[in-house]
Amino acid sequence: MPCLRDALTSSTETFHITVAEAGKVTMEVPREALAVLMEAMALITSGRTVEVIAKSMELSTIQAAKTLGVSRPHLVKLLDKGLIEFRMVDTHRRVNVASLESYRRREQNEQARRRQAAVASAIGSTEAEGLRVTADTTADLDAYARGELDAAALRARTLARHTRKAAE
């Protein structure tokens, strides 16, 4: 993976990949395909399931809900509120994959904004109480704001840090 990641930092538009186990078959892979392959490999390595769907593909509400990881009724509410674009085919809704990705990006950006606001508020209230915010705490809060640390892990780390200090 590191050599693939390094390859993507170059300005090369296509790459030649050799699969040794297949009798040293070499194929030309476009930059976009290599990036998708790396992301898929990382997800598979972490134990997650990967499904590749073309952005121009239309999905049923059941497929779209599964892709977002929500229930079908929740997805229909999102569609009816106009939060995700769709089109009607007779009496059936069809959702473009690109519309789902656009919604997911907006939601992720909003989550990041809320997290950053929560971090700023936590630091402000801590300092207002006359308490010092350590570099470790600031690093954990930054990781939380970036979505790399969930609230439970943030709480656990903070508690462990305070428990260690009390024991000293």
Protein backbone atom coordinates (compact mmCIF):
# COMPACT_ATOMS: atom_id res chain seq x y z
CA MET A 1 0.00 0.00 0.00
CA PRO A 2 2.72 2.57 0.77
CA CYS A 3 4.25 2.19 -2.70
CA LEU A 4 0.81 2.64 -4.30
CA ARG A 5 0.20 5.74 -2.16
CA ASP A 6 3.60 7.10 -3.24
CA ALA A 7 2.75 6.41 -6.87
CA LEU A 8 -0.42 8.48 -6.59
CA THR A 9 1.60 11.51 -5.45
CA SER A 10 3.42 11.56 -8.79
CA SER A 11 2.04 13.38 -11.84
CA THR A 12 1.74 10.16 -13.84
CA GLU A 13 -1.70 9.61 -15.37
CA THR A 14 -1.41 5.84 -15.89
CA PHE A 15 0.48 3.18 -13.99
CA HIS A 16 1.77 -0.25 -14.95
CA ILE A 17 0.92 -2.84 -12.33
CA THR A 18 2.36 -6.35 -12.39
CA VAL A 19 0.47 -9.18 -10.70
CA ALA A 20 3.14 -11.73 -9.86
CA GLU A 21 0.76 -14.55 -8.86
CA ALA A 22 -0.92 -14.40 -12.25
CA GLY A 23 2.24 -15.26 -14.18
CA LYS A 24 3.61 -11.72 -14.04
CA VAL A 25 0.73 -10.16 -15.94
CA THR A 26 1.23 -6.42 -16.36
CA MET A 27 -1.65 -4.06 -16.99
CA GLU A 28 -2.04 -0.33 -17.45
CA VAL A 29 -4.21 1.29 -14.76
CA PRO A 30 -5.49 4.88 -14.88
CA ARG A 31 -4.82 7.14 -11.87
CA GLU A 32 -8.55 7.20 -10.90
CA ALA A 33 -8.76 3.39 -10.92
CA LEU A 34 -5.62 3.09 -8.77
CA ALA A 35 -7.11 5.51 -6.22
CA VAL A 36 -10.33 3.46 -6.07
CA LEU A 37 -8.31 0.24 -5.77
CA MET A 38 -6.32 1.65 -2.84
CA GLU A 39 -9.46 2.79 -1.04
CA ALA A 40 -11.12 -0.59 -1.60
CA MET A 41 -8.03 -2.44 -0.35
CA ALA A 42 -7.93 -0.30 2.81
CA LEU A 43 -11.60 -0.99 3.52
CA ILE A 44 -11.26 -4.72 2.90
CA THR A 45 -8.16 -4.87 5.10
CA SER A 46 -10.14 -3.23 7.92
CA GLY A 47 -12.83 -5.90 7.57
CA ARG A 48 -15.43 -3.80 5.77
CA THR A 49 -17.45 -4.85 2.73
CA VAL A 50 -16.82 -3.04 -0.56
CA GLU A 51 -19.25 -2.51 -3.40
CA VAL A 52 -18.30 -0.50 -6.49
CA ILE A 53 -21.18 1.45 -8.06
CA ALA A 54 -20.98 3.80 -11.05
CA LYS A 55 -21.88 7.40 -10.09
CA SER A 56 -24.24 7.66 -13.06
CA MET A 57 -26.18 4.58 -11.95
CA GLU A 58 -29.70 4.94 -10.60
CA LEU A 59 -30.80 2.99 -7.55
CA SER A 60 -34.15 1.97 -6.14
CA THR A 61 -35.07 3.39 -2.74
CA ILE A 62 -34.15 0.05 -1.14
CA GLN A 63 -30.70 0.06 -2.78
CA ALA A 64 -30.16 3.76 -1.99
CA ALA A 65 -31.11 3.25 1.66
CA LYS A 66 -28.69 0.31 1.89
CA THR A 67 -25.92 2.40 0.31
CA LEU A 68 -26.44 5.18 2.88
CA GLY A 69 -26.87 2.73 5.73
CA VAL A 70 -30.35 3.99 6.66
CA SER A 71 -33.83 2.51 6.58
CA ARG A 72 -35.96 2.84 3.46
CA PRO A 73 -38.62 4.94 5.27
CA HIS A 74 -35.89 7.34 6.48
CA LEU A 75 -34.51 7.62 2.94
CA VAL A 76 -38.01 8.37 1.58
CA LYS A 77 -38.34 11.17 4.16
CA LEU A 78 -35.02 12.62 2.98
CA LEU A 79 -36.20 12.44 -0.62
CA ASP A 80 -39.57 14.03 0.18
CA LYS A 81 -37.82 16.87 2.09
CA GLY A 82 -35.72 17.54 -1.02
CA LEU A 83 -32.44 16.71 0.70
CA ILE A 84 -31.55 14.14 -1.97
CA GLU A 85 -32.42 14.53 -5.63
CA PHE A 86 -34.42 11.78 -7.31
CA ARG A 87 -36.73 11.22 -10.24
CA MET A 88 -39.99 9.37 -10.59
CA VAL A 89 -40.36 6.42 -12.97
CA ASP A 90 -44.10 5.77 -12.97
CA THR A 91 -44.78 5.43 -9.22
CA HIS A 92 -41.21 4.50 -8.26
CA ARG A 93 -38.45 6.79 -7.07
CA ARG A 94 -34.99 6.43 -8.62
CA VAL A 95 -31.95 7.94 -6.93
CA ASN A 96 -28.76 8.75 -8.77
CA VAL A 97 -25.58 7.58 -6.97
CA ALA A 98 -24.05 11.03 -7.47
CA SER A 99 -27.00 12.56 -5.56
CA LEU A 100 -26.38 10.15 -2.68
CA GLU A 101 -22.70 11.07 -2.61
CA SER A 102 -23.56 14.77 -2.65
CA TYR A 103 -25.91 14.29 0.31
CA ARG A 104 -23.31 12.22 2.18
CA ARG A 105 -20.64 14.91 1.64
CA ARG A 106 -23.00 17.66 2.88
CA GLU A 107 -23.83 15.60 5.97
CA GLN A 108 -20.16 14.90 6.67
CA ASN A 109 -19.33 18.60 6.33
CA GLU A 110 -22.18 19.51 8.68
CA GLN A 111 -21.02 16.88 11.20
CA ALA A 112 -17.49 18.28 11.03
CA ARG A 113 -18.81 21.81 11.58
CA ARG A 114 -20.84 20.67 14.62
CA ARG A 115 -17.84 18.84 16.04
CA GLN A 116 -15.58 21.85 15.61
CA ALA A 117 -18.18 24.03 17.34
CA ALA A 118 -18.38 21.50 20.20
CA VAL A 119 -14.58 21.47 20.54
CA ALA A 120 -14.41 25.27 20.60
CA SER A 121 -17.17 25.36 23.21
CA ALA A 122 -15.47 22.70 25.36
CA ILE A 123 -12.15 24.51 25.30
CA GLY A 124 -13.80 27.86 26.01
CA SER A 125 -15.83 26.59 28.97
CA THR A 126 -12.84 24.72 30.40
CA GLU A 127 -10.65 27.81 30.24
CA ALA A 128 -13.49 29.98 31.61
CA GLU A 129 -13.54 27.76 34.70
CA GLY A 130 -9.85 28.49 35.16
CA LEU A 131 -8.74 25.00 34.12
CA ARG A 132 -5.79 24.41 31.83
CA VAL A 133 -6.29 22.51 28.57
CA THR A 134 -3.29 20.24 28.00
CA ALA A 135 -1.67 19.53 24.65
CA ASP A 136 -2.92 15.91 24.87
CA THR A 137 -6.48 17.09 25.42
CA THR A 138 -6.22 19.57 22.56
CA ALA A 139 -4.89 16.82 20.25
CA ASP A 140 -7.77 14.53 21.24
CA LEU A 141 -10.30 17.33 20.67
CA ASP A 142 -8.78 18.04 17.25
CA ALA A 143 -9.05 14.33 16.37
CA TYR A 144 -12.69 14.41 17.50
CA ALA A 145 -13.34 17.50 15.36
CA ARG A 146 -11.87 15.74 12.32
CA GLY A 147 -14.07 12.69 12.99
CA GLU A 148 -11.10 10.44 13.77
CA LEU A 149 -12.25 9.93 17.37
CA ASP A 150 -15.83 9.38 18.51
CA ALA A 151 -17.36 10.91 21.63
CA ALA A 152 -17.06 7.70 23.68
CA ALA A 153 -13.34 7.34 22.88
CA LEU A 154 -12.79 11.03 23.66
CA ARG A 155 -14.50 10.58 27.05
CA ALA A 156 -12.51 7.42 27.81
CA ARG A 157 -9.17 9.07 26.97
CA THR A 158 -10.01 12.15 29.02
CA LEU A 159 -11.10 10.05 32.00
CA ALA A 160 -7.96 7.90 31.77
CA ARG A 161 -5.79 11.02 31.67
CA HIS A 162 -7.51 12.51 34.73
CA THR A 163 -7.35 9.17 36.56
CA ARG A 164 -3.59 8.95 35.94
CA LYS A 165 -3.09 12.53 37.20
CA ALA A 166 -5.11 11.82 40.36
CA ALA A 167 -3.00 8.73 41.06
CA GLU A 168 0.25 10.69 40.76
